[in-house]
N, C-alpha and C. Protein backbone atom coordinates (compact mmCIF):
# COMPACT_ATOMS: atom_id res chain seq x y z
N UNK A 1 0.92 -1.08 0.10
CA UNK A 1 0.12 -0.06 -0.07
C UNK A 1 0.90 1.19 0.11
N UNK A 2 1.99 1.50 0.80
CA UNK A 2 2.69 2.44 0.95
C UNK A 2 3.36 2.92 -0.75
N UNK A 3 3.72 1.75 -1.36
CA UNK A 3 4.39 2.13 -2.67
C UNK A 3 3.26 2.91 -3.63
N UNK A 4 1.85 2.51 -3.37
CA UNK A 4 1.15 3.07 -4.40
C UNK A 4 0.97 4.59 -4.01
N UNK A 5 0.74 4.91 -2.52
CA UNK A 5 0.75 6.22 -2.27
C UNK A 5 1.94 6.99 -3.01
N UNK A 6 3.30 6.32 -2.61
CA UNK A 6 4.69 7.15 -3.37
C UNK A 6 4.47 7.39 -4.69
N UNK A 7 3.86 6.56 -5.44
CA UNK A 7 3.92 6.45 -6.87
C UNK A 7 2.93 7.62 -7.32
N UNK A 8 1.82 7.62 -6.49
CA UNK A 8 0.98 8.84 -7.12
C UNK A 8 1.32 10.20 -6.60
N UNK A 9 2.37 10.31 -5.57
CA UNK A 9 2.99 11.56 -5.04
C UNK A 9 3.76 12.01 -6.54
N UNK A 10 4.78 11.07 -7.07
CA UNK A 10 5.68 11.31 -7.78
C UNK A 10 4.88 11.78 -8.95
N UNK A 11 3.88 10.81 -9.16
CA UNK A 11 2.76 11.12 -10.51
C UNK A 11 2.24 12.59 -10.52
N UNK A 12 1.84 13.14 -9.32
CA UNK A 12 1.41 14.51 -9.03
C UNK A 12 2.40 15.34 -9.25
N UNK A 13 3.58 15.28 -8.85
CA UNK A 13 4.60 16.43 -8.95
C UNK A 13 4.98 16.38 -10.23
N UNK A 14 5.28 15.23 -11.10
CA UNK A 14 5.51 15.69 -12.50
C UNK A 14 4.64 16.08 -13.24
N UNK A 15 3.24 15.76 -13.26
CA UNK A 15 2.21 16.14 -14.07
C UNK A 15 1.81 17.50 -13.70
N UNK A 16 2.25 18.16 -12.63
CA UNK A 16 1.99 19.28 -11.82
C UNK A 16 2.85 20.31 -12.67
N UNK A 17 4.03 19.92 -12.96
CA UNK A 17 4.97 21.13 -13.41
C UNK A 17 4.57 21.49 -14.92
N UNK A 18 4.02 22.51 -15.10
CA UNK A 18 3.46 23.13 -16.26
C UNK A 18 4.24 24.13 -16.65
N UNK A 19 4.03 24.55 -18.21
CA UNK A 19 4.66 25.68 -18.83
C UNK A 19 3.78 26.93 -18.78
N UNK A 20 4.27 28.15 -18.50
CA UNK A 20 3.45 29.15 -18.32
C UNK A 20 3.23 29.41 -19.90
N UNK A 21 1.65 29.69 -19.76
CA UNK A 21 1.07 30.39 -21.30
C UNK A 21 0.02 31.47 -21.17
N UNK A 22 0.57 32.63 -21.69
CA UNK A 22 -0.65 33.77 -21.58
C UNK A 22 -0.91 34.09 -23.23
N UNK A 23 -0.27 33.23 -24.26
CA UNK A 23 -0.68 33.62 -25.65
C UNK A 23 0.61 32.89 -26.27
N UNK A 24 0.55 33.05 -27.63
CA UNK A 24 1.90 32.51 -28.61
C UNK A 24 2.42 33.57 -29.25
N UNK A 25 2.66 34.71 -28.83
CA UNK A 25 3.37 35.75 -29.82
C UNK A 25 4.80 35.92 -29.17
N UNK A 26 5.14 35.66 -28.15
CA UNK A 26 6.63 35.21 -27.85
C UNK A 26 6.94 34.14 -27.14
N UNK A 27 7.83 33.36 -27.29
CA UNK A 27 8.15 32.10 -26.72
C UNK A 27 9.63 32.22 -25.77
N UNK A 28 9.67 31.91 -24.89
CA UNK A 28 11.26 31.88 -23.91
C UNK A 28 11.35 30.24 -23.64
N UNK A 29 12.47 29.66 -24.01
CA UNK A 29 12.27 28.24 -23.69
C UNK A 29 13.70 28.05 -23.18
N UNK A 30 14.12 27.38 -21.96
CA UNK A 30 15.09 26.96 -21.24
C UNK A 30 15.00 25.54 -20.73
N UNK A 31 15.70 24.67 -21.46
CA UNK A 31 15.94 23.15 -21.03
C UNK A 31 14.48 22.68 -21.49
N UNK A 32 13.84 22.14 -20.76
CA UNK A 32 12.59 21.37 -20.93
C UNK A 32 11.08 22.54 -20.54
N UNK A 33 11.50 23.75 -20.29
CA UNK A 33 10.64 24.72 -19.96
C UNK A 33 10.29 25.40 -21.22
N UNK A 34 8.92 25.88 -21.45
CA UNK A 34 8.64 26.43 -22.95
C UNK A 34 7.69 27.44 -21.93
N UNK A 35 7.82 28.97 -22.05
CA UNK A 35 6.93 29.81 -21.78
C UNK A 35 6.48 30.62 -22.96
N UNK A 36 5.22 30.83 -23.12
CA UNK A 36 4.65 31.45 -24.45
C UNK A 36 3.84 32.72 -23.86
N UNK A 37 3.99 33.76 -24.24
CA UNK A 37 3.08 35.02 -23.69
C UNK A 37 2.57 35.65 -24.76
N UNK A 38 1.42 36.59 -24.56
CA UNK A 38 0.78 37.44 -25.55
C UNK A 38 1.49 38.56 -25.63
N UNK A 39 1.55 39.37 -26.61
CA UNK A 39 1.99 40.58 -26.56
C UNK A 39 1.90 41.64 -25.38
N UNK A 40 0.90 41.66 -24.78
CA UNK A 40 0.51 42.63 -23.87
C UNK A 40 1.36 41.65 -22.61
N UNK A 41 1.42 40.83 -22.19
CA UNK A 41 2.05 40.28 -21.14
C UNK A 41 3.53 40.19 -21.04
N UNK A 42 3.95 40.04 -22.36
CA UNK A 42 5.52 40.09 -22.54
C UNK A 42 5.94 41.57 -22.56
N UNK A 43 5.15 42.61 -23.01
CA UNK A 43 5.44 43.86 -22.93
C UNK A 43 5.74 44.35 -21.64
N UNK A 44 4.52 44.06 -20.74
CA UNK A 44 4.86 44.24 -19.47
C UNK A 44 5.74 43.93 -18.74
N UNK A 45 6.06 42.64 -18.92
CA UNK A 45 7.17 41.77 -18.34
C UNK A 45 8.45 42.43 -18.71
N UNK A 46 8.58 42.83 -19.80
CA UNK A 46 10.10 43.53 -20.26
C UNK A 46 9.82 44.89 -19.81
N UNK A 47 9.19 45.62 -19.65
CA UNK A 47 9.14 46.77 -19.06
C UNK A 47 9.68 46.58 -17.42
N UNK A 48 8.60 45.77 -17.07
CA UNK A 48 9.10 45.90 -15.24
C UNK A 48 10.67 45.26 -15.25
N UNK A 49 11.13 44.39 -16.12
CA UNK A 49 12.54 43.98 -15.85
C UNK A 49 13.24 44.91 -16.02
N UNK A 50 13.18 45.90 -17.04
CA UNK A 50 13.91 46.99 -17.37
C UNK A 50 13.77 48.07 -16.14
N UNK A 51 12.95 47.92 -15.41
CA UNK A 51 12.53 48.85 -14.33
C UNK A 51 13.42 48.33 -13.16
N UNK A 52 13.17 46.93 -12.86
CA UNK A 52 13.85 46.19 -11.96
C UNK A 52 15.52 46.34 -11.97
N UNK A 53 16.07 46.55 -13.19
CA UNK A 53 17.28 46.34 -13.51
C UNK A 53 17.87 47.77 -13.49
N UNK A 54 17.22 48.77 -12.85
CA UNK A 54 17.30 50.18 -13.18
C UNK A 54 17.84 51.14 -14.27
N UNK A 55 17.31 50.27 -15.21
CA UNK A 55 17.44 51.03 -16.70
C UNK A 55 16.52 51.81 -16.86
N UNK A 56 15.36 51.77 -16.52
CA UNK A 56 14.22 52.42 -17.09
C UNK A 56 13.25 52.93 -15.92
N UNK A 57 12.48 53.82 -16.02
CA UNK A 57 11.32 54.32 -15.11
C UNK A 57 10.13 53.61 -15.71
N UNK A 58 8.94 53.43 -14.87
CA UNK A 58 7.76 52.82 -15.49
C UNK A 58 6.96 53.80 -16.38
N UNK A 59 6.31 53.49 -17.40
CA UNK A 59 5.46 54.10 -18.33
C UNK A 59 6.03 54.56 -19.50
N UNK A 60 6.72 53.66 -20.22
CA UNK A 60 7.54 54.03 -21.22
C UNK A 60 6.62 54.26 -22.65
N UNK A 61 6.80 54.98 -23.44
CA UNK A 61 6.03 55.05 -24.57
C UNK A 61 6.12 53.96 -25.40
N UNK A 62 4.93 53.85 -26.21
CA UNK A 62 4.87 52.91 -27.17
C UNK A 62 6.27 52.41 -28.31
N UNK A 63 6.94 54.06 -28.57
CA UNK A 63 8.08 53.47 -29.25
C UNK A 63 9.07 53.04 -28.65
N UNK A 64 9.07 53.63 -27.20
CA UNK A 64 10.24 53.05 -26.58
C UNK A 64 10.27 51.72 -26.05
N UNK A 65 8.97 51.37 -25.69
CA UNK A 65 8.66 49.85 -25.53
C UNK A 65 8.96 48.95 -26.73
N UNK A 66 8.67 49.41 -27.89
CA UNK A 66 8.83 48.61 -29.04
C UNK A 66 10.21 48.50 -29.16
N UNK A 67 11.06 49.34 -29.19
CA UNK A 67 12.68 49.17 -28.93
C UNK A 67 13.23 48.50 -28.03
N UNK A 68 12.48 48.13 -26.73
CA UNK A 68 12.97 47.38 -25.66
C UNK A 68 12.40 46.05 -25.94
N UNK A 69 11.49 45.76 -26.54
CA UNK A 69 10.83 44.43 -27.05
C UNK A 69 11.92 43.93 -28.37
N UNK A 70 12.10 44.80 -28.96
CA UNK A 70 13.07 44.14 -30.15
C UNK A 70 14.20 43.69 -29.67
N UNK A 71 14.84 44.79 -28.89
CA UNK A 71 16.25 44.34 -27.90
C UNK A 71 16.19 42.96 -27.49
N UNK A 72 14.78 42.96 -26.62
CA UNK A 72 14.63 41.34 -25.93
C UNK A 72 14.59 40.38 -26.94
N UNK A 73 13.87 40.43 -27.80
CA UNK A 73 13.67 39.51 -28.74
C UNK A 73 14.77 39.08 -29.46
N UNK A 74 15.41 40.06 -30.52
CA UNK A 74 16.59 39.82 -31.49
C UNK A 74 18.08 39.95 -30.71
N UNK A 75 18.18 40.74 -29.54
CA UNK A 75 19.40 40.79 -29.15
C UNK A 75 20.30 42.07 -29.28
N UNK A 76 19.54 42.80 -30.31
CA UNK A 76 19.82 43.93 -30.92
C UNK A 76 18.95 44.96 -31.30
N UNK A 77 19.34 46.17 -31.56
CA UNK A 77 18.54 47.13 -32.19
C UNK A 77 19.14 47.62 -33.64
N UNK A 78 18.90 47.50 -34.72
CA UNK A 78 19.26 48.00 -35.57
C UNK A 78 18.87 49.30 -36.39
N UNK A 79 17.55 49.78 -36.18
CA UNK A 79 17.20 50.81 -36.66
C UNK A 79 16.27 51.37 -35.29
N UNK A 80 16.79 52.19 -34.36
CA UNK A 80 15.81 52.42 -33.32
C UNK A 80 14.49 53.48 -33.65
N UNK A 81 13.63 53.48 -32.89
CA UNK A 81 12.21 54.09 -33.42
C UNK A 81 12.04 55.10 -32.09
N UNK A 82 12.92 55.16 -31.14
CA UNK A 82 12.66 55.96 -29.98
C UNK A 82 14.05 56.65 -29.23
N UNK A 83 14.08 57.63 -28.44
CA UNK A 83 15.19 57.96 -27.58
C UNK A 83 15.79 56.70 -26.90
N UNK A 84 14.83 55.73 -26.48
CA UNK A 84 15.50 54.64 -25.63
C UNK A 84 16.38 54.04 -26.70
N UNK A 85 15.83 53.50 -27.86
CA UNK A 85 16.73 52.74 -28.83
C UNK A 85 18.11 53.30 -29.22
N UNK A 86 17.98 54.74 -29.40
CA UNK A 86 19.44 55.61 -29.60
C UNK A 86 19.83 55.31 -28.31
N UNK A 87 19.64 55.59 -27.22
CA UNK A 87 20.46 55.40 -26.05
C UNK A 87 20.92 54.25 -25.89
N UNK A 88 20.19 53.22 -26.26
CA UNK A 88 21.08 51.78 -26.19
C UNK A 88 22.11 51.45 -27.28
N UNK A 89 21.64 52.14 -28.28
CA UNK A 89 22.94 52.02 -29.18
C UNK A 89 24.03 52.67 -28.91
N UNK A 90 23.96 53.99 -28.20
CA UNK A 90 24.95 54.83 -27.71
C UNK A 90 25.82 54.05 -26.48
N UNK A 91 24.95 53.44 -25.93
CA UNK A 91 25.37 52.57 -24.72
C UNK A 91 25.70 51.11 -24.75
N UNK A 92 25.83 50.73 -26.11
CA UNK A 92 25.71 49.41 -26.33
C UNK A 92 26.95 48.69 -25.59
N UNK A 93 28.26 49.22 -25.79
CA UNK A 93 29.38 48.59 -24.93
C UNK A 93 29.08 48.45 -23.41
N UNK A 94 28.59 49.30 -22.80
CA UNK A 94 28.44 49.08 -21.24
C UNK A 94 27.17 48.02 -21.27
N UNK A 95 26.25 47.95 -22.26
CA UNK A 95 24.90 47.01 -22.07
C UNK A 95 25.23 45.52 -22.17
N UNK A 96 26.11 45.39 -23.22
CA UNK A 96 26.24 43.89 -23.78
C UNK A 96 27.19 43.11 -22.99
N UNK A 97 27.98 43.82 -22.12
CA UNK A 97 28.66 42.65 -21.39
C UNK A 97 29.15 41.43 -21.86
N UNK A 98 29.51 40.64 -20.78
CA UNK A 98 29.70 39.19 -21.38
C UNK A 98 28.52 38.75 -21.55
N UNK A 99 28.65 37.55 -22.44
CA UNK A 99 27.23 37.09 -23.33
C UNK A 99 26.21 36.67 -22.15
N UNK A 100 26.59 36.02 -21.04
CA UNK A 100 25.85 35.35 -19.97
C UNK A 100 25.47 36.56 -18.90
N UNK A 101 25.91 37.59 -18.99
CA UNK A 101 25.92 38.59 -18.08
C UNK A 101 25.21 40.05 -18.54
N UNK A 102 25.32 40.22 -19.80
CA UNK A 102 24.46 41.45 -20.39
C UNK A 102 23.25 41.90 -20.25
N UNK A 103 22.81 43.10 -20.50
CA UNK A 103 21.65 43.33 -20.44
C UNK A 103 20.39 42.50 -20.96
N UNK A 104 20.74 42.34 -21.94
CA UNK A 104 19.50 41.41 -22.89
C UNK A 104 19.22 40.21 -22.20
N UNK A 105 20.53 39.75 -21.65
CA UNK A 105 20.35 38.56 -20.83
C UNK A 105 19.59 38.29 -19.88
N UNK A 106 20.03 39.40 -18.87
CA UNK A 106 19.10 39.71 -17.82
C UNK A 106 17.66 40.46 -17.94
N UNK A 107 17.39 40.87 -18.92
CA UNK A 107 15.89 41.25 -19.39
C UNK A 107 15.14 39.74 -19.41
N UNK A 108 15.81 38.83 -20.29
CA UNK A 108 15.43 37.49 -20.70
C UNK A 108 15.03 36.88 -19.21
N UNK A 109 16.02 36.95 -18.75
CA UNK A 109 16.15 36.00 -17.19
C UNK A 109 14.82 36.47 -16.34
N UNK A 110 14.88 37.96 -16.17
CA UNK A 110 13.77 38.24 -15.37
C UNK A 110 12.50 38.17 -16.03
N UNK A 111 11.97 38.20 -17.11
CA UNK A 111 10.91 37.60 -17.62
C UNK A 111 10.68 36.16 -17.54
N UNK A 112 11.78 35.42 -17.55
CA UNK A 112 11.52 34.02 -17.37
C UNK A 112 11.12 33.57 -16.07
N UNK A 113 11.98 34.15 -14.96
CA UNK A 113 11.68 34.02 -13.82
C UNK A 113 10.45 34.31 -13.20
N UNK A 114 9.99 35.31 -13.58
CA UNK A 114 8.54 35.91 -13.05
C UNK A 114 7.47 35.00 -13.79
N UNK A 115 7.57 34.41 -14.75
CA UNK A 115 6.66 33.65 -15.37
C UNK A 115 6.74 32.17 -14.78
N UNK A 116 7.86 31.87 -14.22
CA UNK A 116 7.91 30.62 -13.63
C UNK A 116 7.69 30.69 -12.39
N UNK A 117 7.89 31.83 -11.55
CA UNK A 117 7.21 32.05 -10.31
C UNK A 117 5.57 32.08 -10.16
N UNK A 118 5.28 32.62 -11.29
CA UNK A 118 3.65 32.89 -11.47
C UNK A 118 3.18 31.49 -11.49
N UNK A 119 3.89 30.63 -12.45
CA UNK A 119 3.29 29.29 -12.66
C UNK A 119 3.42 28.47 -11.28
N UNK A 120 4.65 28.49 -10.83
CA UNK A 120 4.82 27.95 -9.57
C UNK A 120 3.53 28.31 -8.33
N UNK A 121 2.99 29.40 -8.41
CA UNK A 121 2.08 30.03 -7.58
C UNK A 121 0.81 29.39 -8.04
N UNK A 122 0.54 29.28 -9.40
CA UNK A 122 -0.91 28.96 -10.08
C UNK A 122 -0.83 27.60 -9.63
N UNK A 123 0.31 26.69 -9.59
CA UNK A 123 0.33 25.30 -9.46
C UNK A 123 0.22 24.80 -7.97
N UNK A 124 0.24 25.68 -7.08
CA UNK A 124 0.24 25.63 -5.54
C UNK A 124 1.40 25.29 -4.83
N UNK A 125 2.63 25.17 -5.55
CA UNK A 125 4.06 25.11 -5.24
C UNK A 125 4.64 26.10 -4.39
N UNK A 126 4.30 27.48 -4.65
CA UNK A 126 4.71 28.57 -3.97
C UNK A 126 3.00 29.41 -3.45
N UNK A 127 3.45 30.10 -2.62
CA UNK A 127 2.54 31.22 -1.80
C UNK A 127 3.11 32.47 -1.82
N UNK A 128 2.34 33.59 -2.24
CA UNK A 128 2.80 34.71 -2.17
C UNK A 128 2.62 35.40 -0.62
N UNK A 129 3.50 35.90 -0.10
CA UNK A 129 3.37 36.59 1.20
C UNK A 129 3.89 38.10 1.36
N UNK A 130 3.31 38.92 2.24
CA UNK A 130 4.19 40.14 2.44
C UNK A 130 4.71 40.13 3.72
N UNK A 131 6.18 40.68 3.40
CA UNK A 131 7.35 40.77 4.49
C UNK A 131 6.93 42.02 5.00
N UNK A 132 6.46 42.22 6.42
CA UNK A 132 6.28 43.60 6.74
C UNK A 132 7.55 44.11 7.16
N UNK A 133 8.35 43.53 7.57
CA UNK A 133 9.82 44.09 7.67
C UNK A 133 10.51 44.75 6.59
N UNK A 134 10.53 44.11 5.48
CA UNK A 134 10.82 44.59 4.19
C UNK A 134 10.03 45.46 3.43
N UNK A 135 8.69 45.48 3.81
CA UNK A 135 7.94 46.11 3.11
C UNK A 135 7.62 45.88 1.51
N UNK A 136 8.02 44.44 1.34
CA UNK A 136 7.71 43.81 0.04
C UNK A 136 7.05 42.53 0.11
N UNK A 137 6.80 41.99 -1.12
CA UNK A 137 6.15 40.73 -1.30
C UNK A 137 7.27 39.82 -1.62
N UNK A 138 7.17 38.50 -1.21
CA UNK A 138 8.12 37.32 -1.47
C UNK A 138 7.19 36.23 -1.67
N UNK A 139 7.87 35.03 -1.64
CA UNK A 139 7.35 33.72 -2.02
C UNK A 139 7.99 32.69 -0.75
N UNK A 140 7.02 31.83 -0.54
CA UNK A 140 7.15 30.71 0.47
C UNK A 140 6.98 29.42 -0.29
N UNK A 141 7.42 28.32 0.30
CA UNK A 141 6.90 27.06 -0.10
C UNK A 141 6.22 26.74 1.12
N UNK A 142 4.71 26.49 0.83
CA UNK A 142 3.79 26.37 1.71
C UNK A 142 4.11 24.89 2.60
N UNK A 143 4.77 23.83 1.95
CA UNK A 143 5.04 22.57 2.55
C UNK A 143 6.32 22.54 3.42
N UNK A 144 6.94 23.71 3.24
CA UNK A 144 8.26 23.62 4.12
C UNK A 144 8.25 24.88 5.01
N UNK A 145 7.33 25.39 5.24
CA UNK A 145 7.37 26.28 6.22
C UNK A 145 7.31 27.83 5.95
N UNK A 146 7.29 28.94 6.71
CA UNK A 146 7.05 30.31 6.52
C UNK A 146 8.57 30.92 6.14
N UNK A 147 9.50 30.28 5.92
CA UNK A 147 10.64 31.01 5.35
C UNK A 147 10.67 31.30 4.11
N UNK A 148 10.49 32.81 3.85
CA UNK A 148 10.88 33.14 2.47
C UNK A 148 11.91 32.50 1.49
N UNK A 149 11.49 32.27 0.20
CA UNK A 149 12.84 31.98 -0.52
C UNK A 149 13.68 33.09 -1.07
N UNK A 150 14.70 32.93 -1.00
CA UNK A 150 15.64 33.96 -1.47
C UNK A 150 15.94 33.84 -3.18
N UNK A 151 15.54 35.07 -3.85
CA UNK A 151 15.72 34.84 -5.43
C UNK A 151 17.32 35.49 -5.59
N UNK A 152 17.77 34.99 -6.62
CA UNK A 152 19.14 35.50 -7.09
C UNK A 152 18.90 37.20 -7.18
N UNK A 153 20.10 37.79 -6.73
CA UNK A 153 20.18 39.35 -7.01
C UNK A 153 20.58 39.47 -8.32
N UNK A 154 19.90 40.43 -9.06
CA UNK A 154 20.10 40.89 -10.38
C UNK A 154 21.11 42.13 -10.25
N UNK A 155 21.95 42.52 -11.57
CA UNK A 155 22.66 43.62 -11.25
C UNK A 155 21.95 44.79 -11.62
N UNK A 156 22.65 45.94 -11.91
CA UNK A 156 21.91 46.97 -11.88
C UNK A 156 22.50 47.80 -13.01
N UNK A 157 21.87 48.42 -13.80
CA UNK A 157 22.36 49.44 -15.00
C UNK A 157 22.09 50.80 -14.84
N UNK A 158 21.62 51.38 -13.56
CA UNK A 158 21.67 52.53 -13.22
C UNK A 158 22.60 53.35 -13.68
N UNK A 159 23.87 53.20 -13.99
CA UNK A 159 24.89 54.21 -14.58
C UNK A 159 24.44 54.54 -15.87
N UNK A 160 23.94 53.33 -16.66
CA UNK A 160 23.73 53.73 -17.94
C UNK A 160 22.32 53.77 -18.31
N UNK A 161 21.34 54.10 -17.15
CA UNK A 161 20.12 54.46 -17.30
C UNK A 161 19.64 55.07 -18.33
N UNK A 162 18.44 54.95 -18.78
CA UNK A 162 17.59 55.89 -19.94
C UNK A 162 16.74 56.78 -19.11
N UNK A 163 16.99 58.18 -19.40
CA UNK A 163 15.94 58.86 -18.87
C UNK A 163 15.42 59.93 -20.01
N UNK A 164 14.06 59.69 -20.02
CA UNK A 164 13.26 60.07 -20.98
C UNK A 164 12.96 61.64 -21.00
């Protein structure tokens, strides 16, 4: 009898791991994970990532967001359509960095991490909690107690931030 219970637990956990999906306009893949986004969701996540990295302030214009999306998708901007795109081109050396540590890498990484966390919350593996001491939200694993999980710190691009 215990073996059956154990098998069903393993089965539940493997079937529980889903891929995030809000649409099919943009797709990020990492290993076996595939996250698909609609345009609005992806745009919001890209802007939030740029804000979190200290590169931009909330409320980008449509042309600025277009350039940021193009950068995240293609890894470069060939023909900027806004001041943000021109700023990126003018500071490309500072933004490109090492291939796994550049600004584009971190934009994509934060979008992916956010979707991964959202999917884990949706599946019940994580809960969102408010940390009164830090005055911020975080995540806990409900089956492991009240300690918040620590997310990897991201670098800052404040020194080359875009100011509209």
